[in-house]
Amino acid sequence: MSPNVYGIAASVLRGIAEGLMLPVHPLLRWSRWCEDRAWRAAAKAPPEWLRRFWARDRPGHRQEGRDRG
């Protein structure tokens, strides 16, 4: 094969690769955004068991078991 054919093949392959990668970039950005939002939401709202644990140790916090009765 002549070098010209290699150049054409390389440009075609590069074009296909760029064409395939174009829809992937917004997806990557979207997945990173979703992951960032999930981490922020997890940082703002702790899990339920952790909230119960923190509430148990706070003085003056109403608990269902102690307040009834």
Protein backbone atom coordinates (compact mmCIF):
# COMPACT_ATOMS: atom_id res chain seq x y z
CA MET A 1 0.00 0.00 0.00
CA SER A 2 1.17 3.48 -0.68
CA PRO A 3 1.52 6.09 2.08
CA ASN A 4 -1.47 7.94 0.61
CA VAL A 5 -3.73 4.97 1.34
CA TYR A 6 -2.47 4.84 4.91
CA GLY A 7 -3.22 8.55 5.29
CA ILE A 8 -6.74 8.12 3.95
CA ALA A 9 -7.34 5.09 6.18
CA ALA A 10 -6.02 6.98 9.21
CA SER A 11 -8.24 9.99 8.52
CA VAL A 12 -11.28 7.75 7.98
CA LEU A 13 -10.60 5.87 11.21
CA ARG A 14 -10.03 9.13 13.06
CA GLY A 15 -13.31 10.49 11.69
CA ILE A 16 -15.17 7.36 12.78
CA ALA A 17 -13.60 7.53 16.23
CA GLU A 18 -14.49 11.21 16.60
CA GLY A 19 -17.98 10.51 15.33
CA LEU A 20 -18.42 7.79 17.89
CA MET A 21 -16.98 9.88 20.70
CA LEU A 22 -19.21 12.90 20.08
CA PRO A 23 -22.32 11.43 21.72
CA VAL A 24 -20.21 10.08 24.56
CA HIS A 25 -18.98 13.46 25.82
CA PRO A 26 -22.39 14.76 26.95
CA LEU A 27 -23.02 11.36 28.53
CA LEU A 28 -19.77 11.58 30.49
CA ARG A 29 -20.57 15.10 31.56
CA TRP A 30 -24.09 14.05 32.55
CA SER A 31 -22.87 11.03 34.54
CA ARG A 32 -20.29 13.18 36.35
CA TRP A 33 -23.00 15.75 37.10
CA CYS A 34 -25.29 13.01 38.45
CA GLU A 35 -22.50 11.58 40.56
CA ASP A 36 -21.68 15.04 41.91
CA ARG A 37 -25.34 15.64 42.75
CA ALA A 38 -25.58 12.26 44.46
CA TRP A 39 -22.52 12.99 46.61
CA ARG A 40 -23.86 16.41 47.53
CA ALA A 41 -27.25 14.99 48.44
CA ALA A 42 -25.60 12.29 50.53
CA ALA A 43 -23.51 14.92 52.31
CA LYS A 44 -26.57 17.07 53.04
CA ALA A 45 -28.91 14.27 54.06
CA PRO A 46 -27.26 11.53 56.11
CA PRO A 47 -28.77 8.05 56.03
CA GLU A 48 -31.70 7.25 58.30
CA TRP A 49 -29.75 5.05 60.73
CA LEU A 50 -27.15 7.79 61.17
CA ARG A 51 -29.86 10.37 61.80
CA ARG A 52 -31.40 8.14 64.46
CA PHE A 53 -28.00 7.59 66.06
CA TRP A 54 -27.28 11.32 66.17
CA ALA A 55 -30.76 12.07 67.50
CA ARG A 56 -30.31 9.51 70.27
CA ASP A 57 -27.20 11.25 71.57
CA ARG A 58 -28.60 14.77 71.50
CA PRO A 59 -29.97 16.01 74.81
CA GLY A 60 -33.59 17.09 74.76
CA HIS A 61 -34.43 15.23 71.58
CA ARG A 62 -37.88 13.66 71.55
CA GLN A 63 -37.87 9.93 71.09
CA GLU A 64 -40.95 7.86 70.52
CA GLY A 65 -40.08 5.25 73.12
CA ARG A 66 -39.29 7.63 75.97
CA ASP A 67 -42.04 10.17 75.34
CA ARG A 68 -44.83 7.63 75.31
CA GLY A 69 -45.90 6.39 78.66
